[in-house]
Protein backbone atom coordinates (compact mmCIF):
# COMPACT_ATOMS: atom_id res chain seq x y z
CA MET A 1 11.27 7.26 -11.96
CA THR A 2 8.62 5.28 -10.13
CA THR A 3 4.94 5.68 -10.97
CA PHE A 4 2.61 4.87 -8.07
CA THR A 5 -1.04 3.82 -8.15
CA THR A 6 -3.42 3.14 -5.28
CA THR A 7 -6.12 0.52 -5.80
CA ILE A 8 -9.12 -0.24 -3.59
CA ASN A 9 -9.40 -4.02 -3.12
CA ALA A 10 -12.35 -4.35 -0.71
CA MET A 11 -14.67 -2.30 1.50
CA TYR A 12 -16.51 -3.41 4.62
CA THR A 13 -19.74 -1.67 5.60
CA LEU A 14 -22.27 -1.36 8.39
CA ASP A 15 -25.90 -0.34 8.06
CA THR A 16 -25.57 2.35 10.73
CA PRO A 17 -25.53 5.29 10.88
CA ASP A 18 -26.51 4.96 7.20
CA PRO A 19 -26.95 1.88 4.98
CA GLY A 20 -23.65 1.01 3.34
CA PHE A 21 -21.56 3.07 5.80
CA VAL A 22 -17.93 2.20 4.98
CA VAL A 23 -15.91 1.28 8.08
CA ASN A 24 -12.89 -0.48 6.57
CA VAL A 25 -11.05 -0.21 3.26
CA LEU A 26 -8.37 -2.61 2.03
CA TRP A 27 -6.06 -1.03 -0.54
CA THR A 28 -2.77 -1.61 -2.34
CA VAL A 29 -0.07 0.80 -3.45
CA THR A 30 1.82 -0.40 -6.53
CA GLY A 31 4.98 1.15 -7.93
CA VAL A 32 6.41 0.62 -11.40
CA ASP A 33 9.88 1.75 -12.45
CA GLY A 34 10.69 0.40 -15.90
CA GLN A 35 10.85 -3.38 -15.59
CA TYR A 36 10.56 -3.32 -11.78
CA THR A 37 7.22 -3.58 -9.98
CA ALA A 38 6.47 -3.82 -6.27
CA ASN A 39 3.41 -3.37 -4.08
CA ILE A 40 2.30 -3.25 -0.48
CA PRO A 41 -1.18 -3.63 1.00
CA GLY A 42 -2.84 -1.16 3.34
CA ASN A 43 -5.90 -1.07 5.56
CA SER A 44 -7.82 2.01 6.70
CA GLN A 45 -10.62 2.02 9.25
CA PHE A 46 -13.22 4.75 9.61
CA THR A 47 -15.55 5.67 12.44
CA MET A 48 -17.05 8.63 10.61
CA GLN A 49 -16.74 10.11 7.16
CA GLU A 50 -15.91 13.74 6.60
CA GLY A 51 -18.48 15.84 4.80
CA THR A 52 -21.77 14.69 3.35
CA PHE A 53 -22.65 11.00 3.37
CA ILE A 54 -22.32 9.45 -0.09
CA PRO A 55 -24.53 6.42 -0.82
CA TYR A 56 -22.49 3.24 -1.31
CA ASP A 57 -23.60 2.78 -4.92
CA GLN A 58 -22.34 6.29 -5.75
CA LEU A 59 -18.80 5.79 -4.42
CA THR A 60 -15.88 5.83 -6.83
CA PRO A 61 -12.28 4.71 -6.33
CA GLU A 62 -11.19 8.37 -6.34
CA ILE A 63 -13.61 9.26 -3.53
CA VAL A 64 -12.54 6.33 -1.34
CA ILE A 65 -8.82 6.88 -1.99
CA GLY A 66 -9.40 10.47 -0.85
CA TRP A 67 -10.49 9.11 2.55
CA ILE A 68 -7.17 7.31 3.12
CA PRO A 69 -4.79 9.51 5.12
CA ALA A 70 -2.15 10.95 2.79
CA SER A 71 0.54 9.99 5.30
CA ASP A 72 -0.50 6.31 5.02
CA ILE A 73 -0.23 6.40 1.24
CA ALA A 74 3.12 8.24 1.41
CA SER A 75 4.47 5.64 3.85
CA ALA A 76 3.33 2.80 1.59
CA GLN A 77 4.93 4.51 -1.41
CA ALA A 78 8.22 4.83 0.50
CA CYS A 79 8.15 1.09 1.30
CA VAL A 80 7.41 0.23 -2.33
CA GLN A 81 10.23 2.51 -3.47
CA GLY A 82 12.58 0.69 -1.08
CA GLN A 83 11.56 -2.65 -2.59
CA ILE A 84 12.17 -1.34 -6.11
CA ASP A 85 15.52 0.20 -5.11
CA SER A 86 16.58 -3.22 -3.75
CA MET A 87 15.62 -4.84 -7.06
CA ILE A 88 17.58 -2.27 -9.07
CA THR A 89 20.62 -2.42 -6.77
CA PRO A 90 20.45 -5.61 -4.71
CA PRO A 91 21.92 -5.23 -1.22
CA VAL A 92 25.33 -6.82 -0.67
CA SER A 93 25.24 -9.70 1.78
CA PRO A 94 28.28 -11.12 3.57
CA GLN A 95 29.31 -14.62 2.53
CA ASN A 96 30.63 -17.47 4.66
CA THR A 97 34.05 -17.76 3.08
CA PRO A 98 36.12 -20.90 3.76
CA LEU A 99 39.09 -20.34 6.01
CA PRO A 100 42.37 -19.81 4.14
CA TRP A 101 44.17 -22.57 6.12
CA PRO A 102 43.60 -26.31 6.37
CA ALA A 103 40.85 -27.51 8.72
CA ALA A 104 42.12 -28.83 12.03
């Protein structure tokens, strides 16, 4: 069973409408299934924050992760799961097999 975590890597801010207004968040979803680990980066942009403005120095990873659309995180998790599934059961690729008769 894969365990997923979302990590905030960077945040970009503007000083309007409030100082430290977050407009872009770079994040990564990582999945771990036993010995297999995979990750995929994500990027979320914001034009306005829902609810009350939270000063930049009071933000926590949990608050910012809550701003990322759940569908974006779910999509990233599905991609990570696909990577892990390919590690566990590598896809079969066709091989260029020599012809069974002598070359002309």
